[in-house]
Amino acid sequence: MKRKLSKIKPLENLSLVDKVELRLKEYFKENNLKIGDSLPKELEFAEALGVSRTVIREALLRLRTIGVIQSKKRSGMILTQPDIIQNFEKAIEYNLLGEEALVDIFELRLILEVGMADLLFARKTEKDINDLDKIVSKIEKEEDGNVIFSLKHEIAFHSKLYQMSNNITLQRFQDLLLPVFNYVHEDMPESAKNFQYSKGKFVSHRDLLNILKDGNAEDFREAMRNHLEPHFERVLSLVKA
């Protein structure tokens, strides 16, 4: 069914690509377009908006770059599902994140790991628990009671939790967090070794594993909050403008 372009209001005599991009988004919403729906040609958009094809092409390029549209042979342009992690990945790959952004991302990591408890208990398998047990045993053997774990052990344990969530986006986000893990560990103060936990006791990886085996989601949430308490205190002590 051919859609009407009359709903898109033409622009005044402006060559602002930003405004064209906004009008295109309005068109997608007003026509209730879904993933896989075909789009009008560049010329049709240009005529409806009263701008040149060059401007339309540049606006479409922006949408193509973030994965909103895709050009296919014979079928022309179609609406696609954007990869919500992809642009984030590029920012990290090119080392474009400053210290404030790294802290923000680390805060997000803390929130996710405390909040994923229900997913873990709903989706854990016997194999998951066995794999996690092996990871914890290796940590205990190599760390010898140290409460400040090595970077590789932190990554191994917490990556397994993300995997157990069986949420692909969460798992991909965990991959993005690796530079943040590195940033946090490099900047870990010596005083962290003597951190005074509010519950009076440090919750170890073994403790978390035991709760996953025999406890419940609420117990795990509280234990993970305790496990990450030094990090929470650190980020909450930072004054943001």
Protein backbone atom coordinates (compact mmCIF):
# COMPACT_ATOMS: atom_id res chain seq x y z
CA MET A 1 0.00 0.00 0.00
CA LYS A 2 1.42 3.35 -1.04
CA ARG A 3 1.73 5.80 1.80
CA LYS A 4 0.94 9.46 1.52
CA LEU A 5 3.78 11.92 1.95
CA SER A 6 1.36 14.79 2.49
CA LYS A 7 1.66 14.45 6.26
CA ILE A 8 5.27 15.59 6.09
CA LYS A 9 5.26 19.34 6.27
CA PRO A 10 7.62 20.99 3.77
CA LEU A 11 10.53 22.93 5.16
CA GLU A 12 11.00 26.59 4.53
CA ASN A 13 13.93 27.67 2.42
CA LEU A 14 16.47 26.08 4.80
CA SER A 15 19.21 23.60 4.19
CA LEU A 16 19.47 22.32 7.74
CA VAL A 17 19.95 18.59 7.71
CA ASP A 18 18.98 18.40 11.38
CA LYS A 19 15.44 19.58 10.57
CA VAL A 20 15.13 17.17 7.68
CA GLU A 21 16.20 14.32 9.92
CA LEU A 22 13.53 15.29 12.47
CA ARG A 23 10.85 15.44 9.77
CA LEU A 24 11.84 11.99 8.53
CA LYS A 25 11.49 10.60 12.05
CA GLU A 26 8.05 12.22 12.28
CA TYR A 27 7.10 10.49 9.04
CA PHE A 28 8.15 7.10 10.41
CA LYS A 29 6.05 7.60 13.55
CA GLU A 30 2.97 9.10 11.88
CA ASN A 31 2.81 6.23 9.40
CA ASN A 32 3.42 3.61 12.11
CA LEU A 33 6.26 2.11 10.11
CA LYS A 34 7.65 -1.22 11.29
CA ILE A 35 10.95 -3.03 10.82
CA GLY A 36 11.21 -4.18 7.20
CA ASP A 37 8.77 -1.60 5.77
CA SER A 38 9.88 0.07 2.56
CA LEU A 39 10.52 3.80 2.36
CA PRO A 40 9.92 6.37 -0.38
CA LYS A 41 12.77 7.25 -2.70
CA GLU A 42 15.11 10.17 -2.10
CA LEU A 43 13.38 12.20 -4.80
CA GLU A 44 9.96 11.69 -3.23
CA PHE A 45 11.23 12.85 0.16
CA ALA A 46 12.94 15.83 -1.45
CA GLU A 47 9.77 16.92 -3.24
CA ALA A 48 7.60 16.48 -0.14
CA LEU A 49 9.96 18.49 2.06
CA GLY A 50 10.87 21.09 -0.51
CA VAL A 51 14.63 20.56 -0.23
CA SER A 52 17.34 19.25 -2.50
CA ARG A 53 18.22 15.59 -2.86
CA THR A 54 21.65 16.40 -1.45
CA VAL A 55 20.11 17.45 1.86
CA ILE A 56 17.85 14.39 1.90
CA ARG A 57 20.81 12.15 1.11
CA GLU A 58 22.81 13.57 4.01
CA ALA A 59 19.92 13.15 6.44
CA LEU A 60 19.36 9.59 5.27
CA LEU A 61 23.06 8.90 5.66
CA ARG A 62 22.79 9.85 9.33
CA LEU A 63 19.94 7.39 9.80
CA ARG A 64 21.82 4.74 7.87
CA THR A 65 24.90 5.24 10.04
CA ILE A 66 22.98 4.50 13.24
CA GLY A 67 21.23 1.55 11.64
CA VAL A 68 17.71 2.96 11.30
CA ILE A 69 17.52 2.44 7.55
CA GLN A 70 19.20 0.15 5.07
CA SER A 71 19.43 0.21 1.29
CA LYS A 72 18.78 -3.04 -0.56
CA LYS A 73 18.97 -3.90 -4.22
CA ARG A 74 15.60 -3.98 -5.95
CA SER A 75 13.61 -3.25 -2.77
CA GLY A 76 15.24 0.16 -2.16
CA MET A 77 15.36 1.62 1.34
CA ILE A 78 13.78 -0.21 4.24
CA LEU A 79 13.42 0.51 7.93
CA THR A 80 15.72 -1.63 10.07
CA GLN A 81 16.20 -2.34 13.75
CA PRO A 82 19.16 -0.28 14.96
CA ASP A 83 21.90 -1.93 16.97
CA ILE A 84 21.57 -0.11 20.29
CA ILE A 85 25.05 -1.13 21.43
CA GLN A 86 26.99 -0.51 18.21
CA ASN A 87 27.59 3.23 18.54
CA PHE A 88 28.57 2.75 22.15
CA GLU A 89 31.09 0.13 21.03
CA LYS A 90 32.64 2.55 18.57
CA ALA A 91 33.06 5.24 21.22
CA ILE A 92 34.94 2.80 23.43
CA GLU A 93 37.00 1.31 20.58
CA TYR A 94 38.32 4.74 19.68
CA ASN A 95 38.96 5.59 23.34
CA LEU A 96 36.58 8.55 23.15
CA LEU A 97 35.27 8.32 26.70
CA GLY A 98 36.58 10.70 29.34
CA GLU A 99 36.86 10.01 33.05
CA GLU A 100 33.37 11.31 33.85
CA ALA A 101 31.82 9.04 31.21
CA LEU A 102 33.78 6.06 32.55
CA VAL A 103 32.47 6.74 36.05
CA ASP A 104 28.91 7.00 34.71
CA ILE A 105 29.28 3.67 32.94
CA PHE A 106 30.72 2.06 36.04
CA GLU A 107 27.72 3.29 38.02
CA LEU A 108 25.51 1.62 35.43
CA ARG A 109 27.46 -1.60 35.91
CA LEU A 110 26.79 -1.48 39.66
CA ILE A 111 23.07 -0.96 39.07
CA LEU A 112 22.88 -3.82 36.57
CA GLU A 113 24.71 -6.34 38.73
CA VAL A 114 22.53 -5.67 41.75
CA GLY A 115 19.41 -5.62 39.60
CA MET A 116 19.96 -8.80 37.57
CA ALA A 117 19.26 -11.12 40.52
CA ASP A 118 15.77 -12.15 39.37
CA LEU A 119 17.03 -13.03 35.90
CA LEU A 120 19.82 -15.17 37.35
CA PHE A 121 17.49 -17.16 39.58
CA ALA A 122 14.93 -17.62 36.82
CA ARG A 123 17.45 -18.77 34.19
CA LYS A 124 20.35 -20.43 36.02
CA THR A 125 21.20 -24.00 35.05
CA GLU A 126 23.17 -26.72 36.76
CA LYS A 127 25.94 -26.20 34.21
CA ASP A 128 26.04 -22.49 35.01
CA ILE A 129 26.49 -23.23 38.71
CA ASN A 130 29.21 -25.80 38.00
CA ASP A 131 31.05 -23.37 35.72
CA LEU A 132 30.82 -20.63 38.32
CA ASP A 133 32.05 -23.04 40.99
CA LYS A 134 35.18 -23.73 38.94
CA ILE A 135 35.79 -20.00 38.53
CA VAL A 136 35.40 -19.37 42.26
CA SER A 137 37.68 -22.29 43.16
CA LYS A 138 40.37 -20.90 40.89
CA ILE A 139 39.97 -17.43 42.41
CA GLU A 140 40.29 -18.84 45.93
CA LYS A 141 43.40 -20.80 45.00
CA GLU A 142 45.16 -17.85 43.42
CA GLU A 143 43.95 -14.96 45.58
CA ASP A 144 44.50 -16.62 48.99
CA GLY A 145 41.90 -14.61 50.91
CA ASN A 146 42.65 -11.23 49.35
CA VAL A 147 39.52 -9.04 49.25
CA ILE A 148 40.92 -7.01 46.33
CA PHE A 149 40.67 -9.41 43.43
CA SER A 150 42.79 -9.34 40.30
CA LEU A 151 41.26 -7.86 37.18
CA LYS A 152 41.13 -11.21 35.37
CA HIS A 153 39.27 -12.86 38.25
CA GLU A 154 36.75 -10.03 38.57
CA ILE A 155 36.07 -10.23 34.85
CA ALA A 156 35.77 -14.04 34.88
CA PHE A 157 33.23 -14.13 37.72
CA HIS A 158 31.07 -11.20 36.74
CA SER A 159 31.14 -12.06 33.02
CA LYS A 160 29.70 -15.45 33.90
CA LEU A 161 26.83 -13.76 35.74
CA TYR A 162 26.02 -11.68 32.66
CA GLN A 163 26.10 -14.85 30.57
CA MET A 164 23.75 -16.60 33.00
CA SER A 165 21.19 -13.82 32.54
CA ASN A 166 20.66 -15.17 29.02
CA ASN A 167 20.13 -11.59 27.87
CA ILE A 168 22.16 -10.89 24.73
CA THR A 169 22.17 -7.11 25.19
CA LEU A 170 23.39 -7.47 28.77
CA GLN A 171 26.15 -9.80 27.62
CA ARG A 172 27.27 -7.37 24.93
CA PHE A 173 27.17 -4.56 27.44
CA GLN A 174 29.44 -6.61 29.70
CA ASP A 175 31.98 -6.77 26.86
CA LEU A 176 31.86 -2.99 26.68
CA LEU A 177 32.57 -2.76 30.39
CA LEU A 178 36.03 -4.32 30.14
CA PRO A 179 37.82 -0.94 29.72
CA VAL A 180 35.83 0.31 32.72
CA PHE A 181 36.97 -2.64 34.81
CA ASN A 182 40.53 -1.75 33.87
CA TYR A 183 40.01 1.93 34.72
CA VAL A 184 38.54 1.10 38.14
CA HIS A 185 41.26 -1.37 39.09
CA GLU A 186 44.08 0.93 38.03
CA ASP A 187 42.60 3.66 40.21
CA MET A 188 41.77 1.45 43.21
CA PRO A 189 43.00 3.17 46.41
CA GLU A 190 45.18 1.22 48.83
CA SER A 191 42.64 1.92 51.58
CA ALA A 192 40.17 -0.40 49.83
CA LYS A 193 41.98 -3.38 51.36
CA ASN A 194 40.85 -2.25 54.81
CA PHE A 195 37.35 -1.15 53.84
CA GLN A 196 34.85 -1.25 56.70
CA TYR A 197 31.73 -2.97 55.39
CA SER A 198 28.41 -1.76 56.76
CA LYS A 199 27.34 -5.33 57.56
CA GLY A 200 30.68 -6.00 59.25
CA LYS A 201 31.63 -8.72 56.78
CA PHE A 202 32.82 -8.90 53.21
CA VAL A 203 30.67 -10.98 50.85
CA SER A 204 33.01 -13.08 48.74
CA HIS A 205 32.50 -14.71 45.35
CA ARG A 206 31.99 -18.00 47.22
CA ASP A 207 29.25 -16.40 49.31
CA LEU A 208 27.49 -15.18 46.18
CA LEU A 209 27.79 -18.61 44.60
CA ASN A 210 26.31 -20.31 47.67
CA ILE A 211 23.32 -17.97 47.56
CA LEU A 212 22.84 -18.77 43.88
CA LYS A 213 22.80 -22.44 44.82
CA ASP A 214 20.50 -22.36 47.83
CA GLY A 215 19.20 -18.83 48.38
CA ASN A 216 16.78 -16.50 46.63
CA ALA A 217 16.90 -13.40 44.46
CA GLU A 218 16.37 -10.97 47.34
CA ASP A 219 19.24 -12.48 49.35
CA PHE A 220 21.47 -12.34 46.28
CA ARG A 221 20.60 -8.70 45.64
CA GLU A 222 21.56 -7.72 49.16
CA ALA A 223 24.75 -9.80 49.05
CA MET A 224 25.82 -8.32 45.71
CA ARG A 225 25.20 -4.84 47.08
CA ASN A 226 27.53 -5.70 49.96
CA HIS A 227 30.09 -7.25 47.61
CA LEU A 228 30.19 -4.03 45.59
CA GLU A 229 29.92 -1.69 48.57
CA PRO A 230 33.43 -0.16 48.24
CA HIS A 231 32.63 0.76 44.65
CA PHE A 232 29.25 2.23 45.57
CA GLU A 233 30.86 4.34 48.28
CA ARG A 234 33.50 5.51 45.85
CA VAL A 235 31.14 6.69 43.12
CA LEU A 236 28.64 8.17 45.56
CA SER A 237 31.39 10.21 47.19
CA LEU A 238 32.14 11.95 43.90
CA VAL A 239 30.60 15.39 43.59
CA LYS A 240 29.02 15.93 40.17
CA ALA A 241 28.48 19.35 38.72
